[in-house]
Amino acid sequence: MPKWKELKRFCDRDNWECYKVTDHYFYRKILPDGNILYTKVSKGSGEIGYHMWKEILNRQLKVTQEYFNSKI
């Protein structure tokens, strides 16, 4: 499973906008069709749990594991 810093790296490299920073990084990406995707990245250094990672990948990032891996 990826670490939080890898998720942050993905967002930065995949042109997500970091629109707010607190104890988390808040990212959004506006798609060509006008839909907006959102995700929140912890500043923690640990690994993302399996079930949480699947939710982030499928519901928030809406990309495949292969695409994610190509950006980190």
Protein backbone atom coordinates (compact mmCIF):
# COMPACT_ATOMS: atom_id res chain seq x y z
CA MET A 1 0.00 0.00 0.00
CA PRO A 2 1.23 3.52 -0.72
CA LYS A 3 2.21 6.01 1.93
CA TRP A 4 0.58 9.39 2.41
CA LYS A 5 3.63 11.14 0.94
CA GLU A 6 3.20 9.09 -2.25
CA LEU A 7 -0.43 10.20 -2.52
CA LYS A 8 0.71 13.82 -2.14
CA ARG A 9 3.38 13.30 -4.82
CA PHE A 10 0.74 11.83 -7.14
CA CYS A 11 -1.55 14.83 -6.68
CA ASP A 12 1.30 17.28 -7.31
CA ARG A 13 2.47 15.44 -10.44
CA ASP A 14 -1.04 14.86 -11.81
CA ASN A 15 -1.88 18.59 -11.68
CA TRP A 16 -4.28 18.54 -8.75
CA GLU A 17 -4.70 21.93 -7.07
CA CYS A 18 -3.81 22.14 -3.38
CA TYR A 19 -6.47 24.60 -2.26
CA LYS A 20 -6.16 24.35 1.53
CA VAL A 21 -3.54 23.23 4.05
CA THR A 22 -4.31 22.45 7.69
CA ASP A 23 -3.23 19.26 9.41
CA HIS A 24 -4.07 17.76 5.98
CA TYR A 25 -3.56 18.81 2.37
CA PHE A 26 -6.83 19.34 0.49
CA TYR A 27 -6.68 18.78 -3.27
CA ARG A 28 -9.12 19.18 -6.13
CA LYS A 29 -8.98 18.54 -9.85
CA ILE A 30 -11.37 19.99 -12.41
CA LEU A 31 -11.98 17.53 -15.23
CA PRO A 32 -12.58 18.56 -18.86
CA ASP A 33 -16.30 17.71 -18.50
CA GLY A 34 -16.62 20.14 -15.57
CA ASN A 35 -16.75 17.53 -12.79
CA ILE A 36 -14.55 18.22 -9.79
CA LEU A 37 -12.67 15.51 -7.89
CA TYR A 38 -11.59 16.03 -4.27
CA THR A 39 -9.18 14.23 -1.99
CA LYS A 40 -7.58 14.86 1.38
CA VAL A 41 -3.99 13.85 2.15
CA SER A 42 -2.73 13.34 5.70
CA LYS A 43 0.58 14.91 6.70
CA GLY A 44 1.35 11.64 8.47
CA SER A 45 4.24 9.50 7.31
CA GLY A 46 2.55 6.13 7.55
CA GLU A 47 1.10 3.73 5.06
CA ILE A 48 -2.51 4.04 3.91
CA GLY A 49 -4.63 1.09 4.99
CA TYR A 50 -5.89 -1.31 2.32
CA HIS A 51 -9.61 -0.50 2.51
CA MET A 52 -9.04 3.25 2.79
CA TRP A 53 -6.67 3.12 -0.19
CA LYS A 54 -9.25 1.35 -2.35
CA GLU A 55 -11.83 4.03 -1.48
CA ILE A 56 -9.38 6.85 -2.29
CA LEU A 57 -8.29 5.26 -5.56
CA ASN A 58 -11.79 4.42 -6.83
CA ARG A 59 -14.02 7.15 -5.41
CA GLN A 60 -11.76 10.17 -5.05
CA LEU A 61 -8.91 9.89 -7.57
CA LYS A 62 -10.92 7.78 -10.05
CA VAL A 63 -7.78 6.24 -11.58
CA THR A 64 -6.31 2.76 -11.84
CA GLN A 65 -3.49 1.51 -9.64
CA GLU A 66 -1.29 1.40 -12.76
CA TYR A 67 -1.95 5.07 -13.57
CA PHE A 68 -1.25 6.04 -9.95
CA ASN A 69 2.02 4.09 -9.99
CA SER A 70 3.11 5.80 -13.23
CA LYS A 71 2.88 9.22 -11.56
CA ILE A 72 4.71 8.50 -8.32
